[in-house]
Amino acid sequence: NKPENSAIDMATEMGIELLTEEQYRELQKLGNFDLKTSSWV
């Protein structure tokens, strides 16, 4: 039951970096995010 991909691999392919926990907390100061979902950091 392997997933199709991983967060780190996808981010690398896209040219982005996963948010750090600190960046995630800063983002939350700008709005309401992930009220029903969650995000790897």
PDB file of all heavy atoms in Angstrom:
ATOM      1  N   ASN A   1       0.813  -1.218   0.000  1.00  0.00           N
ATOM      2  CA  ASN A   1       0.000   0.000   0.000  1.00  0.00           C
ATOM      3  C   ASN A   1       0.847   1.270   0.000  1.00  0.00           C
ATOM      4  O   ASN A   1       0.602   2.201   0.765  1.00  0.00           O
ATOM      5  CB  ASN A   1      -0.964   0.013   1.192  1.00  0.00           C
ATOM      6  CG  ASN A   1      -1.863  -1.196   1.213  1.00  0.00           C
ATOM      7  OD1 ASN A   1      -2.368  -1.617   0.180  1.00  0.00           O
ATOM      8  ND2 ASN A   1      -2.044  -1.775   2.374  1.00  0.00           N
ATOM      9  N   LYS A   2       1.827   1.280  -0.881  1.00  0.00           N
ATOM     10  CA  LYS A   2       2.705   2.452  -0.966  1.00  0.00           C
ATOM     11  C   LYS A   2       1.952   3.638  -1.548  1.00  0.00           C
ATOM     12  O   LYS A   2       1.196   3.483  -2.506  1.00  0.00           O
ATOM     13  CB  LYS A   2       3.901   2.168  -1.875  1.00  0.00           C
ATOM     14  CG  LYS A   2       4.936   1.268  -1.281  1.00  0.00           C
ATOM     15  CD  LYS A   2       6.152   1.201  -2.190  1.00  0.00           C
ATOM     16  CE  LYS A   2       7.188   0.297  -1.575  1.00  0.00           C
ATOM     17  NZ  LYS A   2       8.532   0.676  -1.932  1.00  0.00           N
ATOM     18  N   PRO A   3       2.209   4.837  -0.998  1.00  0.00           N
ATOM     19  CA  PRO A   3       1.655   6.032  -1.645  1.00  0.00           C
ATOM     20  C   PRO A   3       2.411   6.286  -2.945  1.00  0.00           C
ATOM     21  O   PRO A   3       3.460   5.685  -3.186  1.00  0.00           O
ATOM     22  CB  PRO A   3       1.909   7.136  -0.619  1.00  0.00           C
ATOM     23  CG  PRO A   3       3.068   6.662   0.176  1.00  0.00           C
ATOM     24  CD  PRO A   3       2.966   5.162   0.201  1.00  0.00           C
ATOM     25  N   GLU A   4       1.910   7.179  -3.759  1.00  0.00           N
ATOM     26  CA  GLU A   4       2.551   7.441  -5.046  1.00  0.00           C
ATOM     27  C   GLU A   4       3.840   8.232  -4.928  1.00  0.00           C
ATOM     28  O   GLU A   4       4.688   8.168  -5.817  1.00  0.00           O
ATOM     29  CB  GLU A   4       1.585   8.177  -5.973  1.00  0.00           C
ATOM     30  CG  GLU A   4       0.458   7.301  -6.454  1.00  0.00           C
ATOM     31  CD  GLU A   4      -0.413   7.999  -7.483  1.00  0.00           C
ATOM     32  OE1 GLU A   4       0.097   8.875  -8.211  1.00  0.00           O
ATOM     33  OE2 GLU A   4      -1.598   7.663  -7.556  1.00  0.00           O
ATOM     34  N   ASN A   5       3.996   8.988  -3.842  1.00  0.00           N
ATOM     35  CA  ASN A   5       5.157   9.857  -3.753  1.00  0.00           C
ATOM     36  C   ASN A   5       5.404  10.233  -2.302  1.00  0.00           C
ATOM     37  O   ASN A   5       4.676   9.793  -1.406  1.00  0.00           O
ATOM     38  CB  ASN A   5       4.921  11.118  -4.595  1.00  0.00           C
ATOM     39  CG  ASN A   5       6.195  11.692  -5.187  1.00  0.00           C
ATOM     40  OD1 ASN A   5       7.289  11.482  -4.659  1.00  0.00           O
ATOM     41  ND2 ASN A   5       6.061  12.414  -6.281  1.00  0.00           N
ATOM     42  N   SER A   6       6.411  11.068  -2.096  1.00  0.00           N
ATOM     43  CA  SER A   6       6.700  11.579  -0.760  1.00  0.00           C
ATOM     44  C   SER A   6       6.746  13.102  -0.805  1.00  0.00           C
ATOM     45  O   SER A   6       6.989  13.699  -1.861  1.00  0.00           O
ATOM     46  CB  SER A   6       8.034  11.033  -0.247  1.00  0.00           C
ATOM     47  OG  SER A   6       9.119  11.679  -0.876  1.00  0.00           O
ATOM     48  N   ALA A   7       6.546  13.723   0.334  1.00  0.00           N
ATOM     49  CA  ALA A   7       6.550  15.184   0.413  1.00  0.00           C
ATOM     50  C   ALA A   7       7.898  15.759  -0.007  1.00  0.00           C
ATOM     51  O   ALA A   7       7.964  16.708  -0.795  1.00  0.00           O
ATOM     52  CB  ALA A   7       6.189  15.626   1.833  1.00  0.00           C
ATOM     53  N   ILE A   8       8.983  15.195   0.503  1.00  0.00           N
ATOM     54  CA  ILE A   8      10.309  15.718   0.186  1.00  0.00           C
ATOM     55  C   ILE A   8      10.613  15.574  -1.303  1.00  0.00           C
ATOM     56  O   ILE A   8      11.123  16.503  -1.940  1.00  0.00           O
ATOM     57  CB  ILE A   8      11.403  15.031   1.042  1.00  0.00           C
ATOM     58  CG1 ILE A   8      11.188  15.315   2.534  1.00  0.00           C
ATOM     59  CG2 ILE A   8      12.794  15.436   0.585  1.00  0.00           C
ATOM     60  CD1 ILE A   8      11.385  16.752   2.951  1.00  0.00           C
ATOM     61  N   ASP A   9      10.293  14.418  -1.892  1.00  0.00           N
ATOM     62  CA  ASP A   9      10.540  14.218  -3.321  1.00  0.00           C
ATOM     63  C   ASP A   9       9.717  15.188  -4.165  1.00  0.00           C
ATOM     64  O   ASP A   9      10.230  15.792  -5.115  1.00  0.00           O
ATOM     65  CB  ASP A   9      10.224  12.785  -3.744  1.00  0.00           C
ATOM     66  CG  ASP A   9      11.272  11.782  -3.295  1.00  0.00           C
ATOM     67  OD1 ASP A   9      12.344  12.198  -2.808  1.00  0.00           O
ATOM     68  OD2 ASP A   9      11.012  10.571  -3.430  1.00  0.00           O
ATOM     69  N   MET A  10       8.441  15.352  -3.831  1.00  0.00           N
ATOM     70  CA  MET A  10       7.591  16.269  -4.594  1.00  0.00           C
ATOM     71  C   MET A  10       8.101  17.697  -4.488  1.00  0.00           C
ATOM     72  O   MET A  10       8.158  18.421  -5.484  1.00  0.00           O
ATOM     73  CB  MET A  10       6.147  16.205  -4.107  1.00  0.00           C
ATOM     74  CG  MET A  10       5.379  14.996  -4.578  1.00  0.00           C
ATOM     75  SD  MET A  10       3.638  15.090  -4.084  1.00  0.00           S
ATOM     76  CE  MET A  10       2.993  16.214  -5.324  1.00  0.00           C
ATOM     77  N   ALA A  11       8.462  18.109  -3.281  1.00  0.00           N
ATOM     78  CA  ALA A  11       8.961  19.473  -3.084  1.00  0.00           C
ATOM     79  C   ALA A  11      10.223  19.701  -3.905  1.00  0.00           C
ATOM     80  O   ALA A  11      10.368  20.743  -4.567  1.00  0.00           O
ATOM     81  CB  ALA A  11       9.221  19.729  -1.607  1.00  0.00           C
ATOM     82  N   THR A  12      11.115  18.734  -3.888  1.00  0.00           N
ATOM     83  CA  THR A  12      12.362  18.850  -4.648  1.00  0.00           C
ATOM     84  C   THR A  12      12.068  18.952  -6.145  1.00  0.00           C
ATOM     85  O   THR A  12      12.632  19.801  -6.838  1.00  0.00           O
ATOM     86  CB  THR A  12      13.282  17.648  -4.355  1.00  0.00           C
ATOM     87  OG1 THR A  12      13.567  17.637  -2.953  1.00  0.00           O
ATOM     88  CG2 THR A  12      14.572  17.720  -5.143  1.00  0.00           C
ATOM     89  N   GLU A  13      11.172  18.101  -6.644  1.00  0.00           N
ATOM     90  CA  GLU A  13      10.800  18.133  -8.057  1.00  0.00           C
ATOM     91  C   GLU A  13      10.205  19.478  -8.445  1.00  0.00           C
ATOM     92  O   GLU A  13      10.433  19.976  -9.548  1.00  0.00           O
ATOM     93  CB  GLU A  13       9.792  17.018  -8.366  1.00  0.00           C
ATOM     94  CG  GLU A  13      10.367  15.625  -8.313  1.00  0.00           C
ATOM     95  CD  GLU A  13       9.292  14.535  -8.220  1.00  0.00           C
ATOM     96  OE1 GLU A  13       8.097  14.842  -8.420  1.00  0.00           O
ATOM     97  OE2 GLU A  13       9.656  13.384  -7.922  1.00  0.00           O
ATOM     98  N   MET A  14       9.447  20.074  -7.532  1.00  0.00           N
ATOM     99  CA  MET A  14       8.779  21.352  -7.799  1.00  0.00           C
ATOM    100  C   MET A  14       9.715  22.547  -7.612  1.00  0.00           C
ATOM    101  O   MET A  14       9.416  23.638  -8.091  1.00  0.00           O
ATOM    102  CB  MET A  14       7.578  21.511  -6.865  1.00  0.00           C
ATOM    103  CG  MET A  14       6.472  20.513  -7.108  1.00  0.00           C
ATOM    104  SD  MET A  14       5.219  20.559  -5.810  1.00  0.00           S
ATOM    105  CE  MET A  14       4.530  22.186  -6.073  1.00  0.00           C
ATOM    106  N   GLY A  15      10.799  22.355  -6.871  1.00  0.00           N
ATOM    107  CA  GLY A  15      11.716  23.450  -6.615  1.00  0.00           C
ATOM    108  C   GLY A  15      11.366  24.280  -5.392  1.00  0.00           C
ATOM    109  O   GLY A  15      11.757  25.443  -5.292  1.00  0.00           O
ATOM    110  N   ILE A  16      10.620  23.686  -4.458  1.00  0.00           N
ATOM    111  CA  ILE A  16      10.241  24.392  -3.235  1.00  0.00           C
ATOM    112  C   ILE A  16      10.790  23.660  -2.016  1.00  0.00           C
ATOM    113  O   ILE A  16      11.281  22.546  -2.128  1.00  0.00           O
ATOM    114  CB  ILE A  16       8.705  24.551  -3.098  1.00  0.00           C
ATOM    115  CG1 ILE A  16       7.995  23.188  -3.056  1.00  0.00           C
ATOM    116  CG2 ILE A  16       8.158  25.402  -4.222  1.00  0.00           C
ATOM    117  CD1 ILE A  16       6.486  23.277  -2.845  1.00  0.00           C
ATOM    118  N   GLU A  17      10.677  24.298  -0.873  1.00  0.00           N
ATOM    119  CA  GLU A  17      11.082  23.694   0.398  1.00  0.00           C
ATOM    120  C   GLU A  17       9.849  23.517   1.255  1.00  0.00           C
ATOM    121  O   GLU A  17       8.965  24.392   1.270  1.00  0.00           O
ATOM    122  CB  GLU A  17      12.052  24.624   1.129  1.00  0.00           C
ATOM    123  CG  GLU A  17      13.266  24.946   0.325  1.00  0.00           C
ATOM    124  CD  GLU A  17      14.545  24.569   1.035  1.00  0.00           C
ATOM    125  OE1 GLU A  17      14.499  24.310   2.243  1.00  0.00           O
ATOM    126  OE2 GLU A  17      15.565  24.524   0.352  1.00  0.00           O
ATOM    127  N   LEU A  18       9.760  22.400   1.954  1.00  0.00           N
ATOM    128  CA  LEU A  18       8.694  22.242   2.938  1.00  0.00           C
ATOM    129  C   LEU A  18       8.834  23.348   3.966  1.00  0.00           C
ATOM    130  O   LEU A  18       9.943  23.740   4.313  1.00  0.00           O
ATOM    131  CB  LEU A  18       8.833  20.899   3.674  1.00  0.00           C
ATOM    132  CG  LEU A  18       7.941  19.755   3.220  1.00  0.00           C
ATOM    133  CD1 LEU A  18       8.349  19.294   1.850  1.00  0.00           C
ATOM    134  CD2 LEU A  18       8.034  18.614   4.207  1.00  0.00           C
ATOM    135  N   LEU A  19       7.704  23.829   4.467  1.00  0.00           N
ATOM    136  CA  LEU A  19       7.760  24.822   5.525  1.00  0.00           C
ATOM    137  C   LEU A  19       8.378  24.210   6.773  1.00  0.00           C
ATOM    138  O   LEU A  19       8.193  23.026   7.053  1.00  0.00           O
ATOM    139  CB  LEU A  19       6.355  25.321   5.883  1.00  0.00           C
ATOM    140  CG  LEU A  19       5.563  26.056   4.814  1.00  0.00           C
ATOM    141  CD1 LEU A  19       4.261  26.583   5.406  1.00  0.00           C
ATOM    142  CD2 LEU A  19       6.357  27.177   4.187  1.00  0.00           C
ATOM    143  N   THR A  20       9.074  25.028   7.515  1.00  0.00           N
ATOM    144  CA  THR A  20       9.524  24.610   8.847  1.00  0.00           C
ATOM    145  C   THR A  20       8.339  24.811   9.793  1.00  0.00           C
ATOM    146  O   THR A  20       7.364  25.487   9.451  1.00  0.00           O
ATOM    147  CB  THR A  20      10.701  25.472   9.331  1.00  0.00           C
ATOM    148  OG1 THR A  20      10.244  26.819   9.476  1.00  0.00           O
ATOM    149  CG2 THR A  20      11.887  25.390   8.377  1.00  0.00           C
ATOM    150  N   GLU A  21       8.446  24.270  10.994  1.00  0.00           N
ATOM    151  CA  GLU A  21       7.384  24.496  11.977  1.00  0.00           C
ATOM    152  C   GLU A  21       7.243  25.995  12.250  1.00  0.00           C
ATOM    153  O   GLU A  21       6.126  26.513  12.339  1.00  0.00           O
ATOM    154  CB  GLU A  21       7.688  23.746  13.269  1.00  0.00           C
ATOM    155  CG  GLU A  21       6.625  23.928  14.314  1.00  0.00           C
ATOM    156  CD  GLU A  21       6.930  23.217  15.628  1.00  0.00           C
ATOM    157  OE1 GLU A  21       7.929  22.471  15.707  1.00  0.00           O
ATOM    158  OE2 GLU A  21       6.150  23.432  16.576  1.00  0.00           O
ATOM    159  N   GLU A  22       8.341  26.708  12.343  1.00  0.00           N
ATOM    160  CA  GLU A  22       8.297  28.152  12.594  1.00  0.00           C
ATOM    161  C   GLU A  22       7.610  28.894  11.447  1.00  0.00           C
ATOM    162  O   GLU A  22       6.771  29.775  11.676  1.00  0.00           O
ATOM    163  CB  GLU A  22       9.719  28.685  12.790  1.00  0.00           C
ATOM    164  CG  GLU A  22       9.782  30.168  13.056  1.00  0.00           C
ATOM    165  CD  GLU A  22      11.209  30.676  13.198  1.00  0.00           C
ATOM    166  OE1 GLU A  22      12.157  29.863  13.303  1.00  0.00           O
ATOM    167  OE2 GLU A  22      11.367  31.903  13.195  1.00  0.00           O
ATOM    168  N   GLN A  23       7.944  28.552  10.202  1.00  0.00           N
ATOM    169  CA  GLN A  23       7.290  29.184   9.051  1.00  0.00           C
ATOM    170  C   GLN A  23       5.797  28.884   9.044  1.00  0.00           C
ATOM    171  O   GLN A  23       4.983  29.743   8.714  1.00  0.00           O
ATOM    172  CB  GLN A  23       7.917  28.693   7.745  1.00  0.00           C
ATOM    173  CG  GLN A  23       9.301  29.213   7.471  1.00  0.00           C
ATOM    174  CD  GLN A  23       9.932  28.525   6.282  1.00  0.00           C
ATOM    175  OE1 GLN A  23       9.801  27.300   6.086  1.00  0.00           O
ATOM    176  NE2 GLN A  23      10.637  29.301   5.461  1.00  0.00           N
ATOM    177  N   TYR A  24       5.447  27.648   9.393  1.00  0.00           N
ATOM    178  CA  TYR A  24       4.036  27.259   9.439  1.00  0.00           C
ATOM    179  C   TYR A  24       3.288  28.131  10.445  1.00  0.00           C
ATOM    180  O   TYR A  24       2.196  28.624  10.172  1.00  0.00           O
ATOM    181  CB  TYR A  24       3.917  25.775   9.803  1.00  0.00           C
ATOM    182  CG  TYR A  24       2.507  25.250   9.707  1.00  0.00           C
ATOM    183  CD1 TYR A  24       2.032  24.687   8.526  1.00  0.00           C
ATOM    184  CD2 TYR A  24       1.642  25.321  10.801  1.00  0.00           C
ATOM    185  CE1 TYR A  24       0.731  24.210   8.431  1.00  0.00           C
ATOM    186  CE2 TYR A  24       0.344  24.845  10.708  1.00  0.00           C
ATOM    187  CZ  TYR A  24      -0.098  24.301   9.521  1.00  0.00           C
ATOM    188  OH  TYR A  24      -1.397  23.841   9.435  1.00  0.00           O
ATOM    189  N   ARG A  25       3.872  28.330  11.604  1.00  0.00           N
ATOM    190  CA  ARG A  25       3.248  29.163  12.636  1.00  0.00           C
ATOM    191  C   ARG A  25       3.126  30.616  12.168  1.00  0.00           C
ATOM    192  O   ARG A  25       2.125  31.274  12.448  1.00  0.00           O
ATOM    193  CB  ARG A  25       4.020  29.058  13.946  1.00  0.00           C
ATOM    194  CG  ARG A  25       3.855  27.699  14.608  1.00  0.00           C
ATOM    195  CD  ARG A  25       4.641  27.572  15.912  1.00  0.00           C
ATOM    196  NE  ARG A  25       4.466  26.250  16.474  1.00  0.00           N
ATOM    197  CZ  ARG A  25       3.396  25.845  17.162  1.00  0.00           C
ATOM    198  NH1 ARG A  25       2.410  26.680  17.389  1.00  0.00           N
ATOM    199  NH2 ARG A  25       3.320  24.608  17.636  1.00  0.00           N
ATOM    200  N   GLU A  26       4.126  31.117  11.452  1.00  0.00           N
ATOM    201  CA  GLU A  26       4.054  32.478  10.912  1.00  0.00           C
ATOM    202  C   GLU A  26       2.937  32.583   9.871  1.00  0.00           C
ATOM    203  O   GLU A  26       2.215  33.576   9.826  1.00  0.00           O
ATOM    204  CB  GLU A  26       5.398  32.898  10.309  1.00  0.00           C
ATOM    205  CG  GLU A  26       6.465  33.196  11.346  1.00  0.00           C
ATOM    206  CD  GLU A  26       6.082  34.318  12.290  1.00  0.00           C
ATOM    207  OE1 GLU A  26       5.620  35.392  11.830  1.00  0.00           O
ATOM    208  OE2 GLU A  26       6.239  34.124  13.523  1.00  0.00           O
ATOM    209  N   LEU A  27       2.818  31.574   9.012  1.00  0.00           N
ATOM    210  CA  LEU A  27       1.750  31.566   8.012  1.00  0.00           C
ATOM    211  C   LEU A  27       0.387  31.643   8.681  1.00  0.00           C
ATOM    212  O   LEU A  27      -0.503  32.369   8.223  1.00  0.00           O
ATOM    213  CB  LEU A  27       1.846  30.312   7.129  1.00  0.00           C
ATOM    214  CG  LEU A  27       0.753  30.153   6.070  1.00  0.00           C
ATOM    215  CD1 LEU A  27       0.855  31.256   5.015  1.00  0.00           C
ATOM    216  CD2 LEU A  27       0.855  28.775   5.418  1.00  0.00           C
ATOM    217  N   GLN A  28       0.219  30.936   9.778  1.00  0.00           N
ATOM    218  CA  GLN A  28      -1.073  30.912  10.470  1.00  0.00           C
ATOM    219  C   GLN A  28      -1.471  32.291  11.007  1.00  0.00           C
ATOM    220  O   GLN A  28      -2.645  32.537  11.237  1.00  0.00           O
ATOM    221  CB  GLN A  28      -1.055  29.888  11.613  1.00  0.00           C
ATOM    222  CG  GLN A  28      -1.027  28.451  11.152  1.00  0.00           C
ATOM    223  CD  GLN A  28      -2.340  27.982  10.541  1.00  0.00           C
ATOM    224  OE1 GLN A  28      -3.334  28.696  10.496  1.00  0.00           O
ATOM    225  NE2 GLN A  28      -2.359  26.755  10.062  1.00  0.00           N
ATOM    226  N   LYS A  29      -0.521  33.184  11.165  1.00  0.00           N
ATOM    227  CA  LYS A  29      -0.837  34.546  11.609  1.00  0.00           C
ATOM    228  C   LYS A  29      -1.501  35.358  10.502  1.00  0.00           C
ATOM    229  O   LYS A  29      -2.074  36.405  10.762  1.00  0.00           O
ATOM    230  CB  LYS A  29       0.432  35.261  12.086  1.00  0.00           C
ATOM    231  CG  LYS A  29       1.021  34.650  13.344  1.00  0.00           C
ATOM    232  CD  LYS A  29       2.323  35.330  13.712  1.00  0.00           C
ATOM    233  CE  LYS A  29       2.947  34.668  14.942  1.00  0.00           C
ATOM    234  NZ  LYS A  29       4.263  35.270  15.256  1.00  0.00           N
ATOM    235  N   LEU A  30      -1.414  34.865   9.265  1.00  0.00           N
ATOM    236  CA  LEU A  30      -1.967  35.581   8.114  1.00  0.00           C
ATOM    237  C   LEU A  30      -3.355  35.107   7.710  1.00  0.00           C
ATOM    238  O   LEU A  30      -3.961  35.669   6.807  1.00  0.00           O
ATOM    239  CB  LEU A  30      -1.019  35.432   6.916  1.00  0.00           C
ATOM    240  CG  LEU A  30       0.401  35.959   7.117  1.00  0.00           C
ATOM    241  CD1 LEU A  30       1.243  35.657   5.889  1.00  0.00           C
ATOM    242  CD2 LEU A  30       0.386  37.448   7.420  1.00  0.00           C
ATOM    243  N   GLY A  31      -3.858  34.069   8.341  1.00  0.00           N
ATOM    244  CA  GLY A  31      -5.173  33.544   7.982  1.00  0.00           C
ATOM    245  C   GLY A  31      -5.452  32.244   8.692  1.00  0.00           C
ATOM    246  O   GLY A  31      -4.704  31.821   9.569  1.00  0.00           O
ATOM    247  N   ASN A  32      -6.537  31.615   8.285  1.00  0.00           N
ATOM    248  CA  ASN A  32      -6.923  30.319   8.847  1.00  0.00           C
ATOM    249  C   ASN A  32      -6.594  29.232   7.835  1.00  0.00           C
ATOM    250  O   ASN A  32      -7.232  29.152   6.789  1.00  0.00           O
ATOM    251  CB  ASN A  32      -8.421  30.298   9.165  1.00  0.00           C
ATOM    252  CG  ASN A  32      -8.771  31.270  10.258  1.00  0.00           C
ATOM    253  OD1 ASN A  32      -8.116  31.305  11.290  1.00  0.00           O
ATOM    254  ND2 ASN A  32      -9.802  32.079  10.035  1.00  0.00           N
ATOM    255  N   PHE A  33      -5.601  28.423   8.152  1.00  0.00           N
ATOM    256  CA  PHE A  33      -5.142  27.378   7.244  1.00  0.00           C
ATOM    257  C   PHE A  33      -5.187  26.023   7.944  1.00  0.00           C
ATOM    258  O   PHE A  33      -4.933  25.930   9.145  1.00  0.00           O
ATOM    259  CB  PHE A  33      -3.703  27.667   6.790  1.00  0.00           C
ATOM    260  CG  PHE A  33      -3.544  29.012   6.137  1.00  0.00           C
ATOM    261  CD1 PHE A  33      -2.989  30.072   6.830  1.00  0.00           C
ATOM    262  CD2 PHE A  33      -3.966  29.216   4.835  1.00  0.00           C
ATOM    263  CE1 PHE A  33      -2.844  31.323   6.237  1.00  0.00           C
ATOM    264  CE2 PHE A  33      -3.835  30.459   4.234  1.00  0.00           C
ATOM    265  CZ  PHE A  33      -3.269  31.521   4.935  1.00  0.00           C
ATOM    266  N   ASP A  34      -5.486  24.986   7.184  1.00  0.00           N
ATOM    267  CA  ASP A  34      -5.510  23.606   7.694  1.00  0.00           C
ATOM    268  C   ASP A  34      -6.462  23.436   8.879  1.00  0.00           C
ATOM    269  O   ASP A  34      -6.116  22.834   9.892  1.00  0.00           O
ATOM    270  CB  ASP A  34      -4.101  23.134   8.088  1.00  0.00           C
ATOM    271  CG  ASP A  34      -3.227  22.820   6.889  1.00  0.00           C
ATOM    272  OD1 ASP A  34      -3.775  22.540   5.805  1.00  0.00           O
ATOM    273  OD2 ASP A  34      -1.999  22.838   7.042  1.00  0.00           O
ATOM    274  N   LEU A  35      -7.687  23.922   8.726  1.00  0.00           N
ATOM    275  CA  LEU A  35      -8.686  23.714   9.774  1.00  0.00           C
ATOM    276  C   LEU A  35      -9.294  22.316   9.695  1.00  0.00           C
ATOM    277  O   LEU A  35      -9.882  21.841  10.662  1.00  0.00           O
ATOM    278  CB  LEU A  35      -9.790  24.777   9.687  1.00  0.00           C
ATOM    279  CG  LEU A  35      -9.332  26.226   9.849  1.00  0.00           C
ATOM    280  CD1 LEU A  35     -10.522  27.182   9.729  1.00  0.00           C
ATOM    281  CD2 LEU A  35      -8.594  26.431  11.172  1.00  0.00           C
ATOM    282  N   LYS A  36      -9.152  21.654   8.536  1.00  0.00           N
ATOM    283  CA  LYS A  36      -9.677  20.297   8.351  1.00  0.00           C
ATOM    284  C   LYS A  36      -8.597  19.322   7.897  1.00  0.00           C
ATOM    285  O   LYS A  36      -8.831  18.120   7.868  1.00  0.00           O
ATOM    286  CB  LYS A  36     -10.795  20.297   7.296  1.00  0.00           C
ATOM    287  CG  LYS A  36     -11.994  21.124   7.671  1.00  0.00           C
ATOM    288  CD  LYS A  36     -12.985  21.136   6.527  1.00  0.00           C
ATOM    289  CE  LYS A  36     -14.135  22.082   6.824  1.00  0.00           C
ATOM    290  NZ  LYS A  36     -15.000  22.286   5.670  1.00  0.00           N
ATOM    291  N   THR A  37      -7.449  19.827   7.494  1.00  0.00           N
ATOM    292  CA  THR A  37      -6.369  18.992   6.984  1.00  0.00           C
ATOM    293  C   THR A  37      -5.122  19.222   7.831  1.00  0.00           C
ATOM    294  O   THR A  37      -5.151  19.986   8.789  1.00  0.00           O
ATOM    295  CB  THR A  37      -6.049  19.339   5.511  1.00  0.00           C
ATOM    296  OG1 THR A  37      -5.715  20.734   5.430  1.00  0.00           O
ATOM    297  CG2 THR A  37      -7.216  19.026   4.596  1.00  0.00           C
ATOM    298  N   SER A  38      -4.026  18.586   7.445  1.00  0.00           N
ATOM    299  CA  SER A  38      -2.743  18.807   8.117  1.00  0.00           C
ATOM    300  C   SER A  38      -1.652  18.816   7.058  1.00  0.00           C
ATOM    301  O   SER A  38      -1.863  18.382   5.924  1.00  0.00           O
ATOM    302  CB  SER A  38      -2.474  17.718   9.160  1.00  0.00           C
ATOM    303  OG  SER A  38      -2.412  16.439   8.553  1.00  0.00           O
ATOM    304  N   SER A  39      -0.485  19.333   7.445  1.00  0.00           N
ATOM    305  CA  SER A  39       0.623  19.462   6.489  1.00  0.00           C
ATOM    306  C   SER A  39       1.935  19.004   7.124  1.00  0.00           C
ATOM    307  O   SER A  39       2.280  19.441   8.230  1.00  0.00           O
ATOM    308  CB  SER A  39       0.769  20.930   6.058  1.00  0.00           C
ATOM    309  OG  SER A  39      -0.371  21.366   5.342  1.00  0.00           O
ATOM    310  N   TRP A  40       2.643  18.126   6.393  1.00  0.00           N
ATOM    311  CA  TRP A  40       3.985  17.758   6.817  1.00  0.00           C
ATOM    312  C   TRP A  40       4.835  19.027   6.875  1.00  0.00           C
ATOM    313  O   TRP A  40       4.681  19.924   6.046  1.00  0.00           O
ATOM    314  CB  TRP A  40       4.646  16.811   5.812  1.00  0.00           C
ATOM    315  CG  TRP A  40       4.120  15.425   5.711  1.00  0.00           C
ATOM    316  CD1 TRP A  40       3.483  14.868   4.630  1.00  0.00           C
ATOM    317  CD2 TRP A  40       4.232  14.369   6.682  1.00  0.00           C
ATOM    318  NE1 TRP A  40       3.194  13.552   4.883  1.00  0.00           N
ATOM    319  CE2 TRP A  40       3.640  13.219   6.132  1.00  0.00           C
ATOM    320  CE3 TRP A  40       4.772  14.301   7.964  1.00  0.00           C
ATOM    321  CZ2 TRP A  40       3.561  12.013   6.814  1.00  0.00           C
ATOM    322  CZ3 TRP A  40       4.693  13.099   8.649  1.00  0.00           C
ATOM    323  CH2 TRP A  40       4.103  11.968   8.081  1.00  0.00           C
ATOM    324  N   VAL A  41       5.739  19.101   7.839  1.00  0.00           N
ATOM    325  CA  VAL A  41       6.717  20.190   7.921  1.00  0.00           C
ATOM    326  C   VAL A  41       8.107  19.573   8.055  1.00  0.00           C
ATOM    327  O   VAL A  41       8.242  18.376   8.352  1.00  0.00           O
ATOM    328  CB  VAL A  41       6.430  21.163   9.089  1.00  0.00           C
ATOM    329  CG1 VAL A  41       5.113  21.914   8.864  1.00  0.00           C
ATOM    330  CG2 VAL A  41       6.438  20.458  10.431  1.00  0.00           C
TER     331      VAL A  41
END
